[in-house]
């Protein structure tokens, strides 16, 4: 079972009085949990189905799943965008953007969640850099939430001067079926379900099928049978070759108990008719 992930959803243009960061937990599989509403609001176990679901796949990837009929959703990465197809899992990476309606969101992934909790605002406190620069130029943000396992997340106004250029991000991957352990990053790929086996060719027959004639019933006749030692009604019925049954012998001879047979007792039993005989 995959492990829930601690993530942070950043609202790039929050409204007045709205938090910029929400500490969230993406649960495993398509369990009821984290989602986005049609206007981009973050939802948690909402009674109304969300426009998009956020959950963890079997190979520990964060998945965005757009429901059928939901408004358009776009995932952005490194200046490129992918229009999310309905009902296909899209793998999200840390720093991916989500456009839904007029909202612009960014996803931060912090690893395994220590506990499954509903979304909660995260306090962002400016952290001045040493050297006495202005507060705006030197401010950083320490994201403190329920992500004890991931530690603090620092937000800076600009990237550090000595930071090496980041490697090119892998493309957005779209999966059509539950994933297997992922291969190395590939170009943007939409996987379809495996092709169905080929259908057999259409069969055309020269003529309609012939209807088999029912065989004529075998001729039978009732004969006297003397019960021998060890015989039962079942064994006697088998000796008739299907011409008679236990029920037929019981009813024909007026027996009250099928188990009380006596050696030498005469029974009327239906047997196959002799050559040239008929049913009696």
C-alpha atoms as a PDB file:
ATOM      1  CA  UNK A   1       0.000   0.000   0.000  1.00  0.00           C
ATOM      2  CA  UNK A   2       1.501   3.389  -0.950  1.00  0.00           C
ATOM      3  CA  UNK A   3       2.395   5.888   1.778  1.00  0.00           C
ATOM      4  CA  UNK A   4       0.426   9.167   2.101  1.00  0.00           C
ATOM      5  CA  UNK A   5       2.464  12.199   1.027  1.00  0.00           C
ATOM      6  CA  UNK A   6       2.867  15.519   2.806  1.00  0.00           C
ATOM      7  CA  UNK A   7       2.418  18.287   0.256  1.00  0.00           C
ATOM      8  CA  UNK A   8       1.941  22.040   0.293  1.00  0.00           C
ATOM      9  CA  UNK A   9      -0.413  23.798  -2.137  1.00  0.00           C
ATOM     10  CA  UNK A  10       0.649  27.368  -2.838  1.00  0.00           C
ATOM     11  CA  UNK A  11      -1.900  29.907  -4.112  1.00  0.00           C
ATOM     12  CA  UNK A  12       0.164  32.199  -6.342  1.00  0.00           C
ATOM     13  CA  UNK A  13      -2.458  34.966  -6.171  1.00  0.00           C
ATOM     14  CA  UNK A  14      -4.329  34.571  -2.881  1.00  0.00           C
ATOM     15  CA  UNK A  15      -7.253  36.848  -2.153  1.00  0.00           C
ATOM     16  CA  UNK A  16      -7.372  39.212   0.803  1.00  0.00           C
ATOM     17  CA  UNK A  17      -7.411  37.256   4.039  1.00  0.00           C
ATOM     18  CA  UNK A  18      -6.718  33.955   2.246  1.00  0.00           C
ATOM     19  CA  UNK A  19      -3.623  31.881   3.122  1.00  0.00           C
ATOM     20  CA  UNK A  20      -0.909  31.537   0.519  1.00  0.00           C
ATOM     21  CA  UNK A  21       0.137  28.075   1.663  1.00  0.00           C
ATOM     22  CA  UNK A  22      -1.953  25.099   2.739  1.00  0.00           C
ATOM     23  CA  UNK A  23      -0.350  22.092   4.378  1.00  0.00           C
ATOM     24  CA  UNK A  24      -2.121  19.007   2.929  1.00  0.00           C
ATOM     25  CA  UNK A  25      -1.953  15.227   2.874  1.00  0.00           C
ATOM     26  CA  UNK A  26      -2.467  13.201  -0.311  1.00  0.00           C
ATOM     27  CA  UNK A  27      -3.885   9.812   0.698  1.00  0.00           C
ATOM     28  CA  UNK A  28      -3.101   6.491  -0.944  1.00  0.00           C
ATOM     29  CA  UNK A  29      -5.137   5.337  -3.921  1.00  0.00           C
ATOM     30  CA  UNK A  30      -8.495   6.863  -4.815  1.00  0.00           C
ATOM     31  CA  UNK A  31      -9.641   7.047  -1.226  1.00  0.00           C
ATOM     32  CA  UNK A  32     -11.826   9.980  -0.258  1.00  0.00           C
ATOM     33  CA  UNK A  33      -9.475  12.798   0.703  1.00  0.00           C
ATOM     34  CA  UNK A  34      -7.750  15.731  -0.998  1.00  0.00           C
ATOM     35  CA  UNK A  35      -9.238  17.450  -4.055  1.00  0.00           C
ATOM     36  CA  UNK A  36      -9.726  20.728  -5.912  1.00  0.00           C
ATOM     37  CA  UNK A  37     -13.105  22.321  -6.561  1.00  0.00           C
ATOM     38  CA  UNK A  38     -14.158  23.777  -9.939  1.00  0.00           C
ATOM     39  CA  UNK A  39     -12.875  27.206  -8.815  1.00  0.00           C
ATOM     40  CA  UNK A  40      -9.575  25.844  -7.501  1.00  0.00           C
ATOM     41  CA  UNK A  41     -10.511  25.731  -3.813  1.00  0.00           C
ATOM     42  CA  UNK A  42      -8.750  22.995  -1.819  1.00  0.00           C
ATOM     43  CA  UNK A  43     -11.284  20.406  -0.603  1.00  0.00           C
ATOM     44  CA  UNK A  44     -11.023  17.633   1.985  1.00  0.00           C
ATOM     45  CA  UNK A  45     -13.437  14.693   2.027  1.00  0.00           C
ATOM     46  CA  UNK A  46     -16.067  16.916   0.430  1.00  0.00           C
ATOM     47  CA  UNK A  47     -19.636  15.578   0.125  1.00  0.00           C
ATOM     48  CA  UNK A  48     -19.666  17.157  -3.354  1.00  0.00           C
ATOM     49  CA  UNK A  49     -17.347  15.349  -5.822  1.00  0.00           C
ATOM     50  CA  UNK A  50     -14.293  17.541  -6.560  1.00  0.00           C
ATOM     51  CA  UNK A  51     -13.285  18.627 -10.040  1.00  0.00           C
ATOM     52  CA  UNK A  52      -9.841  17.064  -9.505  1.00  0.00           C
ATOM     53  CA  UNK A  53      -8.510  14.471  -7.084  1.00  0.00           C
ATOM     54  CA  UNK A  54      -4.996  14.439  -5.608  1.00  0.00           C
ATOM     55  CA  UNK A  55      -3.761  11.023  -4.424  1.00  0.00           C
ATOM     56  CA  UNK A  56      -0.732   8.745  -4.276  1.00  0.00           C
ATOM     57  CA  UNK A  57      -0.332   5.946  -6.837  1.00  0.00           C
ATOM     58  CA  UNK A  58       0.888   2.425  -6.170  1.00  0.00           C
ATOM     59  CA  UNK A  59       4.411   3.462  -7.270  1.00  0.00           C
ATOM     60  CA  UNK A  60       4.474   6.368  -4.774  1.00  0.00           C
ATOM     61  CA  UNK A  61       3.810   9.130  -7.340  1.00  0.00           C
ATOM     62  CA  UNK A  62       1.581  12.146  -6.667  1.00  0.00           C
ATOM     63  CA  UNK A  63      -1.363  11.946  -9.070  1.00  0.00           C
ATOM     64  CA  UNK A  64      -3.739  14.624 -10.363  1.00  0.00           C
ATOM     65  CA  UNK A  65      -6.958  12.999 -11.611  1.00  0.00           C
ATOM     66  CA  UNK A  66      -9.492  15.184 -13.414  1.00  0.00           C
ATOM     67  CA  UNK A  67     -13.040  13.863 -13.256  1.00  0.00           C
ATOM     68  CA  UNK A  68     -15.150  13.630 -16.383  1.00  0.00           C
ATOM     69  CA  UNK A  69     -17.197  16.805 -16.880  1.00  0.00           C
ATOM     70  CA  UNK A  70     -14.877  18.948 -14.731  1.00  0.00           C
ATOM     71  CA  UNK A  71     -13.746  22.384 -16.037  1.00  0.00           C
ATOM     72  CA  UNK A  72     -10.454  22.576 -17.971  1.00  0.00           C
ATOM     73  CA  UNK A  73      -7.278  22.032 -15.939  1.00  0.00           C
ATOM     74  CA  UNK A  74      -3.705  22.680 -17.126  1.00  0.00           C
ATOM     75  CA  UNK A  75      -0.484  21.392 -15.539  1.00  0.00           C
ATOM     76  CA  UNK A  76       2.560  23.587 -16.211  1.00  0.00           C
ATOM     77  CA  UNK A  77       6.230  22.671 -15.910  1.00  0.00           C
ATOM     78  CA  UNK A  78       9.291  24.662 -17.030  1.00  0.00           C
ATOM     79  CA  UNK A  79       7.289  26.895 -19.348  1.00  0.00           C
ATOM     80  CA  UNK A  80       5.361  24.036 -20.911  1.00  0.00           C
ATOM     81  CA  UNK A  81       1.753  23.127 -20.284  1.00  0.00           C
ATOM     82  CA  UNK A  82      -0.412  20.047 -20.619  1.00  0.00           C
ATOM     83  CA  UNK A  83      -4.197  20.157 -20.852  1.00  0.00           C
ATOM     84  CA  UNK A  84      -5.195  17.430 -18.395  1.00  0.00           C
ATOM     85  CA  UNK A  85      -7.362  14.797 -20.110  1.00  0.00           C
ATOM     86  CA  UNK A  86     -10.381  13.568 -18.156  1.00  0.00           C
ATOM     87  CA  UNK A  87     -10.123  10.371 -16.119  1.00  0.00           C
ATOM     88  CA  UNK A  88      -6.401   9.849 -16.792  1.00  0.00           C
ATOM     89  CA  UNK A  89      -3.847  10.011 -13.938  1.00  0.00           C
ATOM     90  CA  UNK A  90      -1.271  12.769 -14.426  1.00  0.00           C
ATOM     91  CA  UNK A  91       1.985  12.467 -12.471  1.00  0.00           C
ATOM     92  CA  UNK A  92       2.884  15.674 -10.603  1.00  0.00           C
ATOM     93  CA  UNK A  93       6.413  16.666  -9.601  1.00  0.00           C
ATOM     94  CA  UNK A  94       7.497  19.182  -6.993  1.00  0.00           C
ATOM     95  CA  UNK A  95       7.108  22.716  -8.360  1.00  0.00           C
ATOM     96  CA  UNK A  96       4.450  21.853 -10.957  1.00  0.00           C
ATOM     97  CA  UNK A  97       1.798  24.486 -11.525  1.00  0.00           C
ATOM     98  CA  UNK A  98      -1.947  23.902 -11.765  1.00  0.00           C
ATOM     99  CA  UNK A  99      -4.315  26.272 -13.589  1.00  0.00           C
ATOM    100  CA  UNK A 100      -8.004  25.748 -12.870  1.00  0.00           C
ATOM    101  CA  UNK A 101     -10.505  28.514 -13.513  1.00  0.00           C
ATOM    102  CA  UNK A 102      -8.885  31.800 -12.478  1.00  0.00           C
ATOM    103  CA  UNK A 103      -6.667  30.156  -9.828  1.00  0.00           C
ATOM    104  CA  UNK A 104      -2.953  29.618 -10.210  1.00  0.00           C
ATOM    105  CA  UNK A 105      -1.555  27.016  -7.814  1.00  0.00           C
ATOM    106  CA  UNK A 106       1.834  25.418  -7.253  1.00  0.00           C
ATOM    107  CA  UNK A 107       2.498  22.015  -5.675  1.00  0.00           C
ATOM    108  CA  UNK A 108       5.358  21.371  -3.232  1.00  0.00           C
ATOM    109  CA  UNK A 109       6.052  17.739  -2.295  1.00  0.00           C
ATOM    110  CA  UNK A 110       7.726  17.076   1.067  1.00  0.00           C
ATOM    111  CA  UNK A 111       7.832  13.285   1.286  1.00  0.00           C
ATOM    112  CA  UNK A 112       5.977  10.824   3.484  1.00  0.00           C
ATOM    113  CA  UNK A 113       3.312  12.314   5.742  1.00  0.00           C
ATOM    114  CA  UNK A 114       3.739  11.588   9.470  1.00  0.00           C
ATOM    115  CA  UNK A 115      -0.055  11.546   9.824  1.00  0.00           C
ATOM    116  CA  UNK A 116      -3.139  12.062   7.651  1.00  0.00           C
ATOM    117  CA  UNK A 117      -4.578  15.492   8.464  1.00  0.00           C
ATOM    118  CA  UNK A 118      -7.030  17.870   6.735  1.00  0.00           C
ATOM    119  CA  UNK A 119      -5.597  20.948   4.973  1.00  0.00           C
ATOM    120  CA  UNK A 120      -4.407  23.711   7.303  1.00  0.00           C
ATOM    121  CA  UNK A 121      -2.915  27.177   6.660  1.00  0.00           C
ATOM    122  CA  UNK A 122       0.864  27.448   7.036  1.00  0.00           C
ATOM    123  CA  UNK A 123       2.490  30.380   8.801  1.00  0.00           C
ATOM    124  CA  UNK A 124       5.108  32.139   6.649  1.00  0.00           C
ATOM    125  CA  UNK A 125       7.552  34.264   8.645  1.00  0.00           C
ATOM    126  CA  UNK A 126      10.253  36.435   6.964  1.00  0.00           C
ATOM    127  CA  UNK A 127      13.787  35.292   7.856  1.00  0.00           C
ATOM    128  CA  UNK A 128      16.439  38.064   7.348  1.00  0.00           C
ATOM    129  CA  UNK A 129      19.742  37.116   5.770  1.00  0.00           C
ATOM    130  CA  UNK A 130      22.972  38.031   7.575  1.00  0.00           C
ATOM    131  CA  UNK A 131      24.649  41.250   6.349  1.00  0.00           C
ATOM    132  CA  UNK A 132      21.951  43.823   7.114  1.00  0.00           C
ATOM    133  CA  UNK A 133      20.251  44.009   3.717  1.00  0.00           C
ATOM    134  CA  UNK A 134      16.779  45.454   3.371  1.00  0.00           C
ATOM    135  CA  UNK A 135      13.940  43.314   4.669  1.00  0.00           C
ATOM    136  CA  UNK A 136      12.392  42.866   1.217  1.00  0.00           C
ATOM    137  CA  UNK A 137      15.619  41.909  -0.483  1.00  0.00           C
ATOM    138  CA  UNK A 138      16.703  39.584   2.331  1.00  0.00           C
ATOM    139  CA  UNK A 139      13.372  38.018   3.339  1.00  0.00           C
ATOM    140  CA  UNK A 140      12.898  34.274   3.293  1.00  0.00           C
ATOM    141  CA  UNK A 141       9.961  32.206   4.382  1.00  0.00           C
ATOM    142  CA  UNK A 142      10.043  29.196   6.657  1.00  0.00           C
ATOM    143  CA  UNK A 143       7.042  27.032   5.942  1.00  0.00           C
ATOM    144  CA  UNK A 144       6.031  25.421   9.236  1.00  0.00           C
ATOM    145  CA  UNK A 145       3.101  23.057   9.280  1.00  0.00           C
ATOM    146  CA  UNK A 146       2.324  19.525  10.118  1.00  0.00           C
ATOM    147  CA  UNK A 147       5.166  18.248   7.909  1.00  0.00           C
ATOM    148  CA  UNK A 148       7.530  17.214  10.674  1.00  0.00           C
ATOM    149  CA  UNK A 149       9.054  14.475   8.533  1.00  0.00           C
ATOM    150  CA  UNK A 150       9.876  16.890   5.685  1.00  0.00           C
ATOM    151  CA  UNK A 151      11.276  19.760   7.769  1.00  0.00           C
ATOM    152  CA  UNK A 152      10.956  23.448   6.982  1.00  0.00           C
ATOM    153  CA  UNK A 153      10.517  24.743   3.452  1.00  0.00           C
ATOM    154  CA  UNK A 154      12.398  27.945   2.680  1.00  0.00           C
ATOM    155  CA  UNK A 155      10.915  30.445   0.228  1.00  0.00           C
ATOM    156  CA  UNK A 156      13.280  33.080  -1.199  1.00  0.00           C
ATOM    157  CA  UNK A 157      12.767  36.195  -3.316  1.00  0.00           C
ATOM    158  CA  UNK A 158      15.499  35.088  -5.722  1.00  0.00           C
ATOM    159  CA  UNK A 159      17.581  31.951  -6.235  1.00  0.00           C
ATOM    160  CA  UNK A 160      20.983  31.892  -4.467  1.00  0.00           C
ATOM    161  CA  UNK A 161      23.780  33.415  -6.499  1.00  0.00           C
ATOM    162  CA  UNK A 162      26.038  30.375  -6.224  1.00  0.00           C
ATOM    163  CA  UNK A 163      23.357  27.824  -6.987  1.00  0.00           C
ATOM    164  CA  UNK A 164      24.191  25.710 -10.060  1.00  0.00           C
ATOM    165  CA  UNK A 165      21.683  25.740 -12.885  1.00  0.00           C
ATOM    166  CA  UNK A 166      18.978  23.190 -12.228  1.00  0.00           C
ATOM    167  CA  UNK A 167      18.797  20.144 -14.494  1.00  0.00           C
ATOM    168  CA  UNK A 168      15.998  20.184 -17.056  1.00  0.00           C
ATOM    169  CA  UNK A 169      12.812  18.846 -15.460  1.00  0.00           C
ATOM    170  CA  UNK A 170      11.332  15.597 -16.745  1.00  0.00           C
ATOM    171  CA  UNK A 171       8.251  15.949 -18.941  1.00  0.00           C
ATOM    172  CA  UNK A 172       4.713  15.562 -17.638  1.00  0.00           C
ATOM    173  CA  UNK A 173       3.618  11.935 -17.679  1.00  0.00           C
ATOM    174  CA  UNK A 174      -0.009  10.932 -18.187  1.00  0.00           C
ATOM    175  CA  UNK A 175      -1.063   7.410 -17.309  1.00  0.00           C
ATOM    176  CA  UNK A 176      -4.139   5.622 -18.581  1.00  0.00           C
ATOM    177  CA  UNK A 177      -3.984   2.664 -16.196  1.00  0.00           C
ATOM    178  CA  UNK A 178      -2.725   2.025 -12.648  1.00  0.00           C
ATOM    179  CA  UNK A 179       1.051   2.496 -12.856  1.00  0.00           C
ATOM    180  CA  UNK A 180       3.863   0.024 -12.564  1.00  0.00           C
ATOM    181  CA  UNK A 181       7.240   1.104 -11.179  1.00  0.00           C
ATOM    182  CA  UNK A 182       8.100   4.074 -13.406  1.00  0.00           C
ATOM    183  CA  UNK A 183      10.847   3.933 -16.040  1.00  0.00           C
ATOM    184  CA  UNK A 184      13.307   6.812 -16.411  1.00  0.00           C
ATOM    185  CA  UNK A 185      11.624  10.107 -17.400  1.00  0.00           C
ATOM    186  CA  UNK A 186      10.335  10.132 -20.948  1.00  0.00           C
ATOM    187  CA  UNK A 187       8.722  12.742 -23.174  1.00  0.00           C
ATOM    188  CA  UNK A 188       5.152  13.665 -22.367  1.00  0.00           C
ATOM    189  CA  UNK A 189       3.314  10.412 -22.809  1.00  0.00           C
ATOM    190  CA  UNK A 190      -0.349   9.492 -22.781  1.00  0.00           C
ATOM    191  CA  UNK A 191      -0.821   5.780 -22.265  1.00  0.00           C
ATOM    192  CA  UNK A 192      -3.855   4.014 -23.576  1.00  0.00           C
ATOM    193  CA  UNK A 193      -5.184   0.723 -22.348  1.00  0.00           C
ATOM    194  CA  UNK A 194      -3.582  -2.350 -23.971  1.00  0.00           C
ATOM    195  CA  UNK A 195      -5.197  -3.250 -27.280  1.00  0.00           C
ATOM    196  CA  UNK A 196      -8.022  -5.715 -27.180  1.00  0.00           C
ATOM    197  CA  UNK A 197      -7.347  -9.126 -28.721  1.00  0.00           C
ATOM    198  CA  UNK A 198      -8.281  -9.318 -32.391  1.00  0.00           C
ATOM    199  CA  UNK A 199     -11.885 -10.195 -33.080  1.00  0.00           C
ATOM    200  CA  UNK A 200     -12.561 -13.411 -34.968  1.00  0.00           C
ATOM    201  CA  UNK A 201     -13.594 -12.946 -38.596  1.00  0.00           C
ATOM    202  CA  UNK A 202     -17.267 -12.791 -39.471  1.00  0.00           C
ATOM    203  CA  UNK A 203     -18.435 -16.267 -40.430  1.00  0.00           C
ATOM    204  CA  UNK A 204     -20.659 -16.648 -43.475  1.00  0.00           C
ATOM    205  CA  UNK A 205     -22.323 -20.026 -43.999  1.00  0.00           C
ATOM    206  CA  UNK A 206     -23.661 -21.395 -47.242  1.00  0.00           C
ATOM    207  CA  UNK A 207     -26.973 -22.554 -45.797  1.00  0.00           C
ATOM    208  CA  UNK A 208     -28.839 -22.362 -42.507  1.00  0.00           C
ATOM    209  CA  UNK A 209     -27.936 -25.138 -40.099  1.00  0.00           C
ATOM    210  CA  UNK A 210     -29.894 -28.350 -40.304  1.00  0.00           C
ATOM    211  CA  UNK A 211     -32.073 -29.211 -37.362  1.00  0.00           C
ATOM    212  CA  UNK A 212     -31.259 -32.669 -36.101  1.00  0.00           C
ATOM    213  CA  UNK A 213     -34.180 -34.994 -36.027  1.00  0.00           C
ATOM    214  CA  UNK A 214     -35.087 -36.306 -32.617  1.00  0.00           C
ATOM    215  CA  UNK A 215     -34.518 -40.070 -32.349  1.00  0.00           C
ATOM    216  CA  UNK A 216     -37.562 -42.200 -31.961  1.00  0.00           C
ATOM    217  CA  UNK A 217     -38.121 -43.317 -28.361  1.00  0.00           C
ATOM    218  CA  UNK A 218     -37.000 -46.837 -27.615  1.00  0.00           C
ATOM    219  CA  UNK A 219     -39.735 -49.416 -27.306  1.00  0.00           C
ATOM    220  CA  UNK A 220     -40.157 -50.814 -23.790  1.00  0.00           C
ATOM    221  CA  UNK A 221     -42.309 -53.374 -22.066  1.00  0.00           C
ATOM    222  CA  UNK A 222     -43.140 -54.258 -18.480  1.00  0.00           C
ATOM    223  CA  UNK A 223     -41.755 -57.591 -17.286  1.00  0.00           C
ATOM    224  CA  UNK A 224     -41.620 -59.465 -14.014  1.00  0.00           C
ATOM    225  CA  UNK A 225     -38.336 -59.222 -12.143  1.00  0.00           C
ATOM    226  CA  UNK A 226     -37.473 -61.459  -9.173  1.00  0.00           C
ATOM    227  CA  UNK A 227     -35.384 -59.688  -6.528  1.00  0.00           C
ATOM    228  CA  UNK A 228     -32.019 -61.381  -6.050  1.00  0.00           C
ATOM    229  CA  UNK A 229     -29.739 -61.184  -2.982  1.00  0.00           C
ATOM    230  CA  UNK A 230     -27.951 -57.817  -2.735  1.00  0.00           C
ATOM    231  CA  UNK A 231     -30.215 -56.039  -5.237  1.00  0.00           C
ATOM    232  CA  UNK A 232     -31.670 -52.607  -4.547  1.00  0.00           C
ATOM    233  CA  UNK A 233     -34.142 -50.492  -6.485  1.00  0.00           C
ATOM    234  CA  UNK A 234     -31.241 -48.420  -7.795  1.00  0.00           C
ATOM    235  CA  UNK A 235     -29.340 -51.439  -9.089  1.00  0.00           C
ATOM    236  CA  UNK A 236     -32.522 -52.865 -10.644  1.00  0.00           C
ATOM    237  CA  UNK A 237     -33.228 -49.513 -12.383  1.00  0.00           C
ATOM    238  CA  UNK A 238     -29.676 -49.459 -13.780  1.00  0.00           C
ATOM    239  CA  UNK A 239     -30.149 -52.916 -15.270  1.00  0.00           C
ATOM    240  CA  UNK A 240     -33.054 -51.540 -17.351  1.00  0.00           C
ATOM    241  CA  UNK A 241     -30.607 -49.385 -19.337  1.00  0.00           C
ATOM    242  CA  UNK A 242     -32.640 -46.248 -18.655  1.00  0.00           C
ATOM    243  CA  UNK A 243     -35.986 -47.765 -19.551  1.00  0.00           C
ATOM    244  CA  UNK A 244     -37.169 -47.477 -15.933  1.00  0.00           C
ATOM    245  CA  UNK A 245     -36.414 -45.437 -12.825  1.00  0.00           C
ATOM    246  CA  UNK A 246     -36.549 -46.002  -9.077  1.00  0.00           C
ATOM    247  CA  UNK A 247     -39.588 -43.722  -8.884  1.00  0.00           C
ATOM    248  CA  UNK A 248     -41.329 -45.629 -11.676  1.00  0.00           C
ATOM    249  CA  UNK A 249     -40.702 -49.011  -9.997  1.00  0.00           C
ATOM    250  CA  UNK A 250     -41.967 -47.698  -6.635  1.00  0.00           C
ATOM    251  CA  UNK A 251     -45.170 -46.240  -8.103  1.00  0.00           C
ATOM    252  CA  UNK A 252     -45.853 -49.215 -10.385  1.00  0.00           C
ATOM    253  CA  UNK A 253     -45.508 -51.754  -7.555  1.00  0.00           C
ATOM    254  CA  UNK A 254     -47.138 -49.666  -4.801  1.00  0.00           C
ATOM    255  CA  UNK A 255     -44.074 -49.851  -2.570  1.00  0.00           C
ATOM    256  CA  UNK A 256     -44.252 -47.851   0.676  1.00  0.00           C
ATOM    257  CA  UNK A 257     -40.595 -48.197   1.604  1.00  0.00           C
ATOM    258  CA  UNK A 258     -38.051 -48.424  -1.191  1.00  0.00           C
ATOM    259  CA  UNK A 259     -35.486 -50.002   1.139  1.00  0.00           C
ATOM    260  CA  UNK A 260     -37.645 -52.966   2.232  1.00  0.00           C
ATOM    261  CA  UNK A 261     -37.054 -55.415  -0.610  1.00  0.00           C
ATOM    262  CA  UNK A 262     -37.188 -59.167  -0.054  1.00  0.00           C
ATOM    263  CA  UNK A 263     -35.244 -61.794  -1.926  1.00  0.00           C
ATOM    264  CA  UNK A 264     -37.645 -63.593  -4.276  1.00  0.00           C
ATOM    265  CA  UNK A 265     -40.085 -60.650  -4.362  1.00  0.00           C
ATOM    266  CA  UNK A 266     -41.622 -60.065  -7.820  1.00  0.00           C
ATOM    267  CA  UNK A 267     -41.608 -56.543  -9.205  1.00  0.00           C
ATOM    268  CA  UNK A 268     -43.126 -55.078 -12.366  1.00  0.00           C
ATOM    269  CA  UNK A 269     -40.185 -53.451 -14.146  1.00  0.00           C
ATOM    270  CA  UNK A 270     -40.078 -51.691 -17.517  1.00  0.00           C
ATOM    271  CA  UNK A 271     -37.383 -53.133 -19.727  1.00  0.00           C
ATOM    272  CA  UNK A 272     -36.321 -52.542 -23.330  1.00  0.00           C
ATOM    273  CA  UNK A 273     -38.703 -54.393 -25.610  1.00  0.00           C
ATOM    274  CA  UNK A 274     -37.514 -57.475 -27.440  1.00  0.00           C
ATOM    275  CA  UNK A 275     -36.917 -57.216 -31.197  1.00  0.00           C
ATOM    276  CA  UNK A 276     -40.231 -56.335 -32.815  1.00  0.00           C
ATOM    277  CA  UNK A 277     -41.874 -55.553 -29.442  1.00  0.00           C
ATOM    278  CA  UNK A 278     -43.654 -52.325 -28.518  1.00  0.00           C
ATOM    279  CA  UNK A 279     -44.247 -50.016 -25.550  1.00  0.00           C
ATOM    280  CA  UNK A 280     -46.842 -51.360 -23.115  1.00  0.00           C
END
